[in-house]
């Protein structure tokens, strides 16, 4: 009987070592072009936020919501890519903060106002302004607070030291991040896509949601952040699998999946507070 040929055993990829090699090549200038990738993603998110304003003015509600959600995806990607390739910079952090103000402050506030808050008259416009102001305050507050992590070589700070990435050294954000807040204020609109009727297309409900979300943005309420969690290999695999299933469901049932995701996030707020108290 002939024996089966011996197949070489494949080694598992050493991702941390690979990331270090990429960062070294970027620092040495061999992959200089990659330094612009995170800022390119940030600008793509900014364009999505600006496009959401265009859709809002033409009453294309679903397209406007989709544009803001896409901006949130780009916002998550730019910080991840910057840290992965060692392309963090103070310029990127400043650009990211300005893009967040447009995509997650001005765009959702204008969208909700044109869709429903305008029916409440001056009070509706005032509530839209409150959301924009709270978004700006949150971003400015984190830009000036001293980060816990040391600055990068040369004294520059990374984009993870600013804005929504400041809490990377811990497992919690302070307050609701602007991308999550932007999606939360759209929740009544998203639900109205599915059920119809005046129950959720209600100016009073929209004002209440905008008001509460605005307060949560500038609050010191601890909210979960995956950046500071050190997961095992099995946990990372489960997380990736879960995200894959969520993405597949979002493609097939976009509004239902987004609704479930946002409600799950709201349900996580009390749990985050309890975990933060336990950690301290």
C-alpha atoms as a PDB file:
ATOM      1  CA  UNK A   1       0.000   0.000   0.000  1.00  0.00           C
ATOM      2  CA  UNK A   2       1.429   3.350  -1.022  1.00  0.00           C
ATOM      3  CA  UNK A   3       1.774   5.951   1.624  1.00  0.00           C
ATOM      4  CA  UNK A   4       0.161   9.361   1.376  1.00  0.00           C
ATOM      5  CA  UNK A   5       2.673  12.076   0.639  1.00  0.00           C
ATOM      6  CA  UNK A   6       3.629  14.101   3.683  1.00  0.00           C
ATOM      7  CA  UNK A   7       2.076  17.555   3.540  1.00  0.00           C
ATOM      8  CA  UNK A   8       3.883  20.400   5.270  1.00  0.00           C
ATOM      9  CA  UNK A   9       2.027  21.813   8.266  1.00  0.00           C
ATOM     10  CA  UNK A  10       0.865  25.351   7.723  1.00  0.00           C
ATOM     11  CA  UNK A  11       1.848  27.833  10.383  1.00  0.00           C
ATOM     12  CA  UNK A  12      -0.670  30.181  11.858  1.00  0.00           C
ATOM     13  CA  UNK A  13      -0.109  33.768  10.720  1.00  0.00           C
ATOM     14  CA  UNK A  14       1.602  35.893  13.355  1.00  0.00           C
ATOM     15  CA  UNK A  15      -0.549  39.003  13.025  1.00  0.00           C
ATOM     16  CA  UNK A  16       1.240  41.122  15.661  1.00  0.00           C
ATOM     17  CA  UNK A  17       4.602  40.455  14.005  1.00  0.00           C
ATOM     18  CA  UNK A  18       3.152  41.238  10.596  1.00  0.00           C
ATOM     19  CA  UNK A  19       1.726  44.505  11.915  1.00  0.00           C
ATOM     20  CA  UNK A  20       5.098  45.444  13.418  1.00  0.00           C
ATOM     21  CA  UNK A  21       6.832  44.799  10.091  1.00  0.00           C
ATOM     22  CA  UNK A  22       4.296  46.969   8.265  1.00  0.00           C
ATOM     23  CA  UNK A  23       4.717  49.753  10.823  1.00  0.00           C
ATOM     24  CA  UNK A  24       8.499  49.600  10.477  1.00  0.00           C
ATOM     25  CA  UNK A  25       8.274  49.854   6.695  1.00  0.00           C
ATOM     26  CA  UNK A  26       5.897  52.784   6.985  1.00  0.00           C
ATOM     27  CA  UNK A  27       8.243  54.526   9.433  1.00  0.00           C
ATOM     28  CA  UNK A  28      11.205  53.919   7.102  1.00  0.00           C
ATOM     29  CA  UNK A  29       9.326  55.455   4.179  1.00  0.00           C
ATOM     30  CA  UNK A  30       9.015  52.292   2.089  1.00  0.00           C
ATOM     31  CA  UNK A  31       5.220  52.377   2.277  1.00  0.00           C
ATOM     32  CA  UNK A  32       4.868  56.145   2.512  1.00  0.00           C
ATOM     33  CA  UNK A  33       1.653  56.172   0.502  1.00  0.00           C
ATOM     34  CA  UNK A  34      -0.110  54.141   3.205  1.00  0.00           C
ATOM     35  CA  UNK A  35       0.090  57.121   5.579  1.00  0.00           C
ATOM     36  CA  UNK A  36      -2.684  58.741   3.549  1.00  0.00           C
ATOM     37  CA  UNK A  37      -5.046  55.758   3.731  1.00  0.00           C
ATOM     38  CA  UNK A  38      -6.586  56.621   7.154  1.00  0.00           C
ATOM     39  CA  UNK A  39      -7.190  60.238   6.134  1.00  0.00           C
ATOM     40  CA  UNK A  40      -8.673  59.014   2.860  1.00  0.00           C
ATOM     41  CA  UNK A  41     -11.138  56.890   4.822  1.00  0.00           C
ATOM     42  CA  UNK A  42     -11.938  59.881   7.031  1.00  0.00           C
ATOM     43  CA  UNK A  43     -12.664  62.023   3.978  1.00  0.00           C
ATOM     44  CA  UNK A  44     -14.821  59.249   2.527  1.00  0.00           C
ATOM     45  CA  UNK A  45     -16.867  59.308   5.722  1.00  0.00           C
ATOM     46  CA  UNK A  46     -17.114  63.093   5.501  1.00  0.00           C
ATOM     47  CA  UNK A  47     -18.429  62.810   1.944  1.00  0.00           C
ATOM     48  CA  UNK A  48     -21.026  60.288   3.134  1.00  0.00           C
ATOM     49  CA  UNK A  49     -22.185  62.690   5.835  1.00  0.00           C
ATOM     50  CA  UNK A  50     -22.420  65.570   3.365  1.00  0.00           C
ATOM     51  CA  UNK A  51     -24.298  63.342   0.937  1.00  0.00           C
ATOM     52  CA  UNK A  52     -26.767  62.485   3.700  1.00  0.00           C
ATOM     53  CA  UNK A  53     -27.585  66.206   3.891  1.00  0.00           C
ATOM     54  CA  UNK A  54     -28.293  66.230   0.157  1.00  0.00           C
ATOM     55  CA  UNK A  55     -30.588  63.213   0.479  1.00  0.00           C
ATOM     56  CA  UNK A  56     -32.361  64.824   3.443  1.00  0.00           C
ATOM     57  CA  UNK A  57     -33.100  67.987   1.459  1.00  0.00           C
ATOM     58  CA  UNK A  58     -34.622  65.870  -1.320  1.00  0.00           C
ATOM     59  CA  UNK A  59     -36.662  63.790   1.188  1.00  0.00           C
ATOM     60  CA  UNK A  60     -34.784  60.580   0.320  1.00  0.00           C
ATOM     61  CA  UNK A  61     -34.977  59.356   3.900  1.00  0.00           C
ATOM     62  CA  UNK A  62     -33.670  55.819   3.471  1.00  0.00           C
ATOM     63  CA  UNK A  63     -30.739  56.941   1.351  1.00  0.00           C
ATOM     64  CA  UNK A  64     -29.863  59.609   3.930  1.00  0.00           C
ATOM     65  CA  UNK A  65     -29.881  57.084   6.785  1.00  0.00           C
ATOM     66  CA  UNK A  66     -27.767  54.680   4.744  1.00  0.00           C
ATOM     67  CA  UNK A  67     -25.236  57.445   4.061  1.00  0.00           C
ATOM     68  CA  UNK A  68     -24.867  58.224   7.787  1.00  0.00           C
ATOM     69  CA  UNK A  69     -24.466  54.526   8.646  1.00  0.00           C
ATOM     70  CA  UNK A  70     -21.811  54.245   5.930  1.00  0.00           C
ATOM     71  CA  UNK A  71     -20.052  57.285   7.415  1.00  0.00           C
ATOM     72  CA  UNK A  72     -19.999  55.479  10.786  1.00  0.00           C
ATOM     73  CA  UNK A  73     -18.385  52.447   9.122  1.00  0.00           C
ATOM     74  CA  UNK A  74     -15.675  54.616   7.560  1.00  0.00           C
ATOM     75  CA  UNK A  75     -15.151  56.290  10.946  1.00  0.00           C
ATOM     76  CA  UNK A  76     -14.500  52.906  12.558  1.00  0.00           C
ATOM     77  CA  UNK A  77     -12.173  51.882   9.740  1.00  0.00           C
ATOM     78  CA  UNK A  78      -9.928  54.951   9.691  1.00  0.00           C
ATOM     79  CA  UNK A  79      -8.832  54.630  13.317  1.00  0.00           C
ATOM     80  CA  UNK A  80      -8.332  50.878  13.020  1.00  0.00           C
ATOM     81  CA  UNK A  81      -6.195  51.233   9.880  1.00  0.00           C
ATOM     82  CA  UNK A  82      -4.183  54.099  11.375  1.00  0.00           C
ATOM     83  CA  UNK A  83      -3.283  52.056  14.448  1.00  0.00           C
ATOM     84  CA  UNK A  84      -2.604  48.916  12.409  1.00  0.00           C
ATOM     85  CA  UNK A  85      -0.043  50.531  10.087  1.00  0.00           C
ATOM     86  CA  UNK A  86       1.337  53.083  12.551  1.00  0.00           C
ATOM     87  CA  UNK A  87       0.064  56.055  10.547  1.00  0.00           C
ATOM     88  CA  UNK A  88      -1.418  57.950  13.494  1.00  0.00           C
ATOM     89  CA  UNK A  89      -0.925  61.707  13.355  1.00  0.00           C
ATOM     90  CA  UNK A  90      -2.236  64.875  14.942  1.00  0.00           C
ATOM     91  CA  UNK A  91      -3.419  65.995  11.492  1.00  0.00           C
ATOM     92  CA  UNK A  92      -5.462  62.813  11.157  1.00  0.00           C
ATOM     93  CA  UNK A  93      -6.953  63.324  14.603  1.00  0.00           C
ATOM     94  CA  UNK A  94      -7.987  66.895  13.829  1.00  0.00           C
ATOM     95  CA  UNK A  95      -9.421  65.889  10.457  1.00  0.00           C
ATOM     96  CA  UNK A  96     -11.324  63.011  12.048  1.00  0.00           C
ATOM     97  CA  UNK A  97     -12.898  65.314  14.636  1.00  0.00           C
ATOM     98  CA  UNK A  98     -14.050  67.828  12.018  1.00  0.00           C
ATOM     99  CA  UNK A  99     -15.477  65.065   9.840  1.00  0.00           C
ATOM    100  CA  UNK A 100     -17.341  63.648  12.844  1.00  0.00           C
ATOM    101  CA  UNK A 101     -18.989  67.006  13.508  1.00  0.00           C
ATOM    102  CA  UNK A 102     -20.389  67.076   9.985  1.00  0.00           C
ATOM    103  CA  UNK A 103     -21.306  63.393   9.618  1.00  0.00           C
ATOM    104  CA  UNK A 104     -22.590  62.725  13.137  1.00  0.00           C
ATOM    105  CA  UNK A 105     -23.645  66.181  14.292  1.00  0.00           C
ATOM    106  CA  UNK A 106     -24.933  68.389  11.507  1.00  0.00           C
ATOM    107  CA  UNK A 107     -26.126  65.691   9.075  1.00  0.00           C
ATOM    108  CA  UNK A 108     -28.340  63.656  11.471  1.00  0.00           C
ATOM    109  CA  UNK A 109     -29.707  66.804  13.140  1.00  0.00           C
ATOM    110  CA  UNK A 110     -30.707  68.277   9.783  1.00  0.00           C
ATOM    111  CA  UNK A 111     -32.124  64.947   8.614  1.00  0.00           C
ATOM    112  CA  UNK A 112     -34.350  64.528  11.682  1.00  0.00           C
ATOM    113  CA  UNK A 113     -35.415  68.173  11.475  1.00  0.00           C
ATOM    114  CA  UNK A 114     -36.451  67.994   7.816  1.00  0.00           C
ATOM    115  CA  UNK A 115     -38.168  64.648   8.408  1.00  0.00           C
ATOM    116  CA  UNK A 116     -40.103  65.372  11.609  1.00  0.00           C
ATOM    117  CA  UNK A 117     -38.818  68.109  13.957  1.00  0.00           C
ATOM    118  CA  UNK A 118     -39.940  70.893  11.626  1.00  0.00           C
ATOM    119  CA  UNK A 119     -43.522  70.005  12.571  1.00  0.00           C
ATOM    120  CA  UNK A 120     -42.741  71.198  16.099  1.00  0.00           C
ATOM    121  CA  UNK A 121     -41.862  74.686  14.882  1.00  0.00           C
ATOM    122  CA  UNK A 122     -39.136  76.648  16.641  1.00  0.00           C
ATOM    123  CA  UNK A 123     -38.877  74.040  19.398  1.00  0.00           C
ATOM    124  CA  UNK A 124     -37.947  71.403  16.837  1.00  0.00           C
ATOM    125  CA  UNK A 125     -35.233  73.597  15.345  1.00  0.00           C
ATOM    126  CA  UNK A 126     -33.927  74.387  18.833  1.00  0.00           C
ATOM    127  CA  UNK A 127     -33.661  70.666  19.574  1.00  0.00           C
ATOM    128  CA  UNK A 128     -31.721  70.105  16.347  1.00  0.00           C
ATOM    129  CA  UNK A 129     -29.325  72.870  17.399  1.00  0.00           C
ATOM    130  CA  UNK A 130     -28.949  71.290  20.840  1.00  0.00           C
ATOM    131  CA  UNK A 131     -27.828  68.046  19.221  1.00  0.00           C
ATOM    132  CA  UNK A 132     -25.240  69.864  17.066  1.00  0.00           C
ATOM    133  CA  UNK A 133     -23.948  71.810  20.069  1.00  0.00           C
ATOM    134  CA  UNK A 134     -23.630  68.693  22.236  1.00  0.00           C
ATOM    135  CA  UNK A 135     -21.788  66.897  19.447  1.00  0.00           C
ATOM    136  CA  UNK A 136     -19.330  69.804  19.123  1.00  0.00           C
ATOM    137  CA  UNK A 137     -18.846  69.964  22.908  1.00  0.00           C
ATOM    138  CA  UNK A 138     -18.142  66.251  23.113  1.00  0.00           C
ATOM    139  CA  UNK A 139     -15.567  66.361  20.328  1.00  0.00           C
ATOM    140  CA  UNK A 140     -13.893  69.510  21.692  1.00  0.00           C
ATOM    141  CA  UNK A 141     -13.803  68.120  25.239  1.00  0.00           C
ATOM    142  CA  UNK A 142     -11.946  65.010  24.148  1.00  0.00           C
ATOM    143  CA  UNK A 143      -9.572  67.015  21.972  1.00  0.00           C
ATOM    144  CA  UNK A 144      -8.269  68.982  24.955  1.00  0.00           C
ATOM    145  CA  UNK A 145      -8.332  66.316  27.653  1.00  0.00           C
ATOM    146  CA  UNK A 146      -4.980  64.750  28.468  1.00  0.00           C
ATOM    147  CA  UNK A 147      -4.796  61.207  27.091  1.00  0.00           C
ATOM    148  CA  UNK A 148      -3.613  58.384  29.306  1.00  0.00           C
ATOM    149  CA  UNK A 149      -1.476  56.877  26.580  1.00  0.00           C
ATOM    150  CA  UNK A 150       1.974  58.431  25.952  1.00  0.00           C
ATOM    151  CA  UNK A 151       2.403  60.479  22.777  1.00  0.00           C
ATOM    152  CA  UNK A 152       3.989  58.975  19.724  1.00  0.00           C
ATOM    153  CA  UNK A 153       7.657  59.402  18.902  1.00  0.00           C
ATOM    154  CA  UNK A 154       8.410  63.006  18.044  1.00  0.00           C
ATOM    155  CA  UNK A 155       5.744  64.337  20.407  1.00  0.00           C
ATOM    156  CA  UNK A 156       2.819  63.950  18.020  1.00  0.00           C
ATOM    157  CA  UNK A 157      -0.394  62.411  19.240  1.00  0.00           C
ATOM    158  CA  UNK A 158      -2.289  59.683  17.471  1.00  0.00           C
ATOM    159  CA  UNK A 159      -5.868  59.962  16.279  1.00  0.00           C
ATOM    160  CA  UNK A 160      -6.677  57.380  18.955  1.00  0.00           C
ATOM    161  CA  UNK A 161      -5.606  59.948  21.573  1.00  0.00           C
ATOM    162  CA  UNK A 162      -8.342  62.309  20.469  1.00  0.00           C
ATOM    163  CA  UNK A 163     -12.065  62.334  19.954  1.00  0.00           C
ATOM    164  CA  UNK A 164     -13.812  59.010  20.071  1.00  0.00           C
ATOM    165  CA  UNK A 165     -10.561  57.048  20.282  1.00  0.00           C
ATOM    166  CA  UNK A 166      -9.359  58.672  23.505  1.00  0.00           C
ATOM    167  CA  UNK A 167     -10.719  55.837  25.635  1.00  0.00           C
ATOM    168  CA  UNK A 168      -8.669  53.216  23.831  1.00  0.00           C
ATOM    169  CA  UNK A 169      -6.563  52.600  26.934  1.00  0.00           C
ATOM    170  CA  UNK A 170      -9.670  51.536  28.872  1.00  0.00           C
ATOM    171  CA  UNK A 171     -12.642  49.321  28.155  1.00  0.00           C
ATOM    172  CA  UNK A 172     -15.092  52.218  28.290  1.00  0.00           C
ATOM    173  CA  UNK A 173     -15.911  55.454  26.559  1.00  0.00           C
ATOM    174  CA  UNK A 174     -17.091  58.418  28.590  1.00  0.00           C
ATOM    175  CA  UNK A 175     -20.561  59.139  27.227  1.00  0.00           C
ATOM    176  CA  UNK A 176     -22.130  57.868  24.018  1.00  0.00           C
ATOM    177  CA  UNK A 177     -19.754  58.250  21.024  1.00  0.00           C
ATOM    178  CA  UNK A 178     -20.929  60.533  18.231  1.00  0.00           C
ATOM    179  CA  UNK A 179     -21.400  57.771  15.592  1.00  0.00           C
ATOM    180  CA  UNK A 180     -23.651  55.820  17.974  1.00  0.00           C
ATOM    181  CA  UNK A 181     -25.518  59.010  18.929  1.00  0.00           C
ATOM    182  CA  UNK A 182     -26.105  59.850  15.269  1.00  0.00           C
ATOM    183  CA  UNK A 183     -27.676  56.437  14.686  1.00  0.00           C
ATOM    184  CA  UNK A 184     -29.734  56.586  17.891  1.00  0.00           C
ATOM    185  CA  UNK A 185     -31.482  59.839  16.933  1.00  0.00           C
ATOM    186  CA  UNK A 186     -32.492  58.154  13.672  1.00  0.00           C
ATOM    187  CA  UNK A 187     -34.088  55.211  15.487  1.00  0.00           C
ATOM    188  CA  UNK A 188     -37.711  56.497  15.290  1.00  0.00           C
ATOM    189  CA  UNK A 189     -37.246  57.105  11.568  1.00  0.00           C
ATOM    190  CA  UNK A 190     -35.755  53.649  11.031  1.00  0.00           C
ATOM    191  CA  UNK A 191     -38.633  51.984  12.902  1.00  0.00           C
ATOM    192  CA  UNK A 192     -41.156  54.042  10.899  1.00  0.00           C
ATOM    193  CA  UNK A 193     -39.717  52.508   7.718  1.00  0.00           C
ATOM    194  CA  UNK A 194     -40.962  49.146   8.977  1.00  0.00           C
ATOM    195  CA  UNK A 195     -44.252  49.790  10.786  1.00  0.00           C
ATOM    196  CA  UNK A 196     -45.603  52.982   9.232  1.00  0.00           C
ATOM    197  CA  UNK A 197     -48.333  55.042  10.840  1.00  0.00           C
ATOM    198  CA  UNK A 198     -48.019  58.030  13.196  1.00  0.00           C
ATOM    199  CA  UNK A 199     -46.720  56.124  16.222  1.00  0.00           C
ATOM    200  CA  UNK A 200     -43.039  56.609  15.478  1.00  0.00           C
ATOM    201  CA  UNK A 201     -43.386  59.422  12.922  1.00  0.00           C
ATOM    202  CA  UNK A 202     -44.131  61.714  15.827  1.00  0.00           C
ATOM    203  CA  UNK A 203     -42.406  65.066  16.480  1.00  0.00           C
ATOM    204  CA  UNK A 204     -42.733  64.708  20.261  1.00  0.00           C
ATOM    205  CA  UNK A 205     -41.041  61.301  20.196  1.00  0.00           C
ATOM    206  CA  UNK A 206     -38.264  62.565  17.943  1.00  0.00           C
ATOM    207  CA  UNK A 207     -37.666  65.556  20.214  1.00  0.00           C
ATOM    208  CA  UNK A 208     -37.445  63.289  23.250  1.00  0.00           C
ATOM    209  CA  UNK A 209     -34.994  60.924  21.550  1.00  0.00           C
ATOM    210  CA  UNK A 210     -32.822  63.805  20.318  1.00  0.00           C
ATOM    211  CA  UNK A 211     -32.824  65.432  23.755  1.00  0.00           C
ATOM    212  CA  UNK A 212     -31.890  62.287  25.673  1.00  0.00           C
ATOM    213  CA  UNK A 213     -29.217  61.320  23.148  1.00  0.00           C
ATOM    214  CA  UNK A 214     -27.716  64.812  23.291  1.00  0.00           C
ATOM    215  CA  UNK A 215     -27.375  64.550  27.064  1.00  0.00           C
ATOM    216  CA  UNK A 216     -25.845  61.080  26.791  1.00  0.00           C
ATOM    217  CA  UNK A 217     -23.197  62.401  24.393  1.00  0.00           C
ATOM    218  CA  UNK A 218     -21.870  65.001  26.843  1.00  0.00           C
ATOM    219  CA  UNK A 219     -22.408  62.891  29.965  1.00  0.00           C
ATOM    220  CA  UNK A 220     -19.741  60.956  31.855  1.00  0.00           C
ATOM    221  CA  UNK A 221     -21.761  57.758  31.579  1.00  0.00           C
ATOM    222  CA  UNK A 222     -19.410  54.829  30.866  1.00  0.00           C
ATOM    223  CA  UNK A 223     -20.223  53.052  27.608  1.00  0.00           C
ATOM    224  CA  UNK A 224     -18.632  49.902  26.263  1.00  0.00           C
ATOM    225  CA  UNK A 225     -15.590  50.147  24.024  1.00  0.00           C
ATOM    226  CA  UNK A 226     -14.111  47.073  22.358  1.00  0.00           C
ATOM    227  CA  UNK A 227     -10.788  48.858  21.844  1.00  0.00           C
ATOM    228  CA  UNK A 228      -9.631  48.266  25.401  1.00  0.00           C
ATOM    229  CA  UNK A 229     -10.811  44.675  25.697  1.00  0.00           C
ATOM    230  CA  UNK A 230      -8.126  41.988  25.473  1.00  0.00           C
ATOM    231  CA  UNK A 231      -9.916  39.060  23.871  1.00  0.00           C
ATOM    232  CA  UNK A 232      -8.670  35.506  23.579  1.00  0.00           C
ATOM    233  CA  UNK A 233      -8.206  33.935  20.176  1.00  0.00           C
ATOM    234  CA  UNK A 234     -11.469  32.021  20.545  1.00  0.00           C
ATOM    235  CA  UNK A 235     -13.307  35.178  21.604  1.00  0.00           C
ATOM    236  CA  UNK A 236     -11.911  37.081  18.624  1.00  0.00           C
ATOM    237  CA  UNK A 237     -13.074  34.328  16.283  1.00  0.00           C
ATOM    238  CA  UNK A 238     -16.537  34.409  17.837  1.00  0.00           C
ATOM    239  CA  UNK A 239     -16.616  38.204  17.518  1.00  0.00           C
ATOM    240  CA  UNK A 240     -15.614  38.094  13.852  1.00  0.00           C
ATOM    241  CA  UNK A 241     -18.210  35.403  13.177  1.00  0.00           C
ATOM    242  CA  UNK A 242     -20.869  37.452  14.938  1.00  0.00           C
ATOM    243  CA  UNK A 243     -19.961  40.562  12.978  1.00  0.00           C
ATOM    244  CA  UNK A 244     -20.114  38.553   9.770  1.00  0.00           C
ATOM    245  CA  UNK A 245     -23.586  37.283  10.599  1.00  0.00           C
ATOM    246  CA  UNK A 246     -24.683  40.794  11.532  1.00  0.00           C
ATOM    247  CA  UNK A 247     -23.353  42.164   8.230  1.00  0.00           C
ATOM    248  CA  UNK A 248     -25.143  39.419   6.275  1.00  0.00           C
ATOM    249  CA  UNK A 249     -28.391  40.153   8.116  1.00  0.00           C
ATOM    250  CA  UNK A 250     -27.922  43.869   7.467  1.00  0.00           C
ATOM    251  CA  UNK A 251     -27.697  43.205   3.738  1.00  0.00           C
ATOM    252  CA  UNK A 252     -30.861  41.085   3.693  1.00  0.00           C
ATOM    253  CA  UNK A 253     -32.889  42.921   6.360  1.00  0.00           C
ATOM    254  CA  UNK A 254     -31.197  46.319   6.728  1.00  0.00           C
ATOM    255  CA  UNK A 255     -33.753  48.220   8.810  1.00  0.00           C
ATOM    256  CA  UNK A 256     -34.686  45.353  11.107  1.00  0.00           C
ATOM    257  CA  UNK A 257     -31.024  44.523  11.738  1.00  0.00           C
ATOM    258  CA  UNK A 258     -30.159  48.147  12.416  1.00  0.00           C
ATOM    259  CA  UNK A 259     -33.098  48.452  14.809  1.00  0.00           C
ATOM    260  CA  UNK A 260     -32.062  45.339  16.742  1.00  0.00           C
ATOM    261  CA  UNK A 261     -28.462  46.543  16.886  1.00  0.00           C
ATOM    262  CA  UNK A 262     -29.411  49.975  18.232  1.00  0.00           C
ATOM    263  CA  UNK A 263     -31.796  48.531  20.815  1.00  0.00           C
ATOM    264  CA  UNK A 264     -29.066  46.122  21.928  1.00  0.00           C
ATOM    265  CA  UNK A 265     -26.705  49.079  22.301  1.00  0.00           C
ATOM    266  CA  UNK A 266     -29.246  50.943  24.426  1.00  0.00           C
ATOM    267  CA  UNK A 267     -29.671  47.829  26.566  1.00  0.00           C
ATOM    268  CA  UNK A 268     -25.879  47.679  27.049  1.00  0.00           C
ATOM    269  CA  UNK A 269     -25.730  51.121  28.693  1.00  0.00           C
ATOM    270  CA  UNK A 270     -26.824  49.968  32.188  1.00  0.00           C
ATOM    271  CA  UNK A 271     -24.563  46.919  31.877  1.00  0.00           C
ATOM    272  CA  UNK A 272     -21.588  49.151  31.025  1.00  0.00           C
ATOM    273  CA  UNK A 273     -22.254  51.283  34.106  1.00  0.00           C
ATOM    274  CA  UNK A 274     -22.313  48.185  36.310  1.00  0.00           C
ATOM    275  CA  UNK A 275     -19.121  46.804  34.767  1.00  0.00           C
ATOM    276  CA  UNK A 276     -17.343  50.150  35.164  1.00  0.00           C
ATOM    277  CA  UNK A 277     -18.224  50.252  38.854  1.00  0.00           C
ATOM    278  CA  UNK A 278     -16.952  46.702  39.265  1.00  0.00           C
ATOM    279  CA  UNK A 279     -13.698  47.547  37.475  1.00  0.00           C
ATOM    280  CA  UNK A 280     -13.037  50.456  39.805  1.00  0.00           C
END
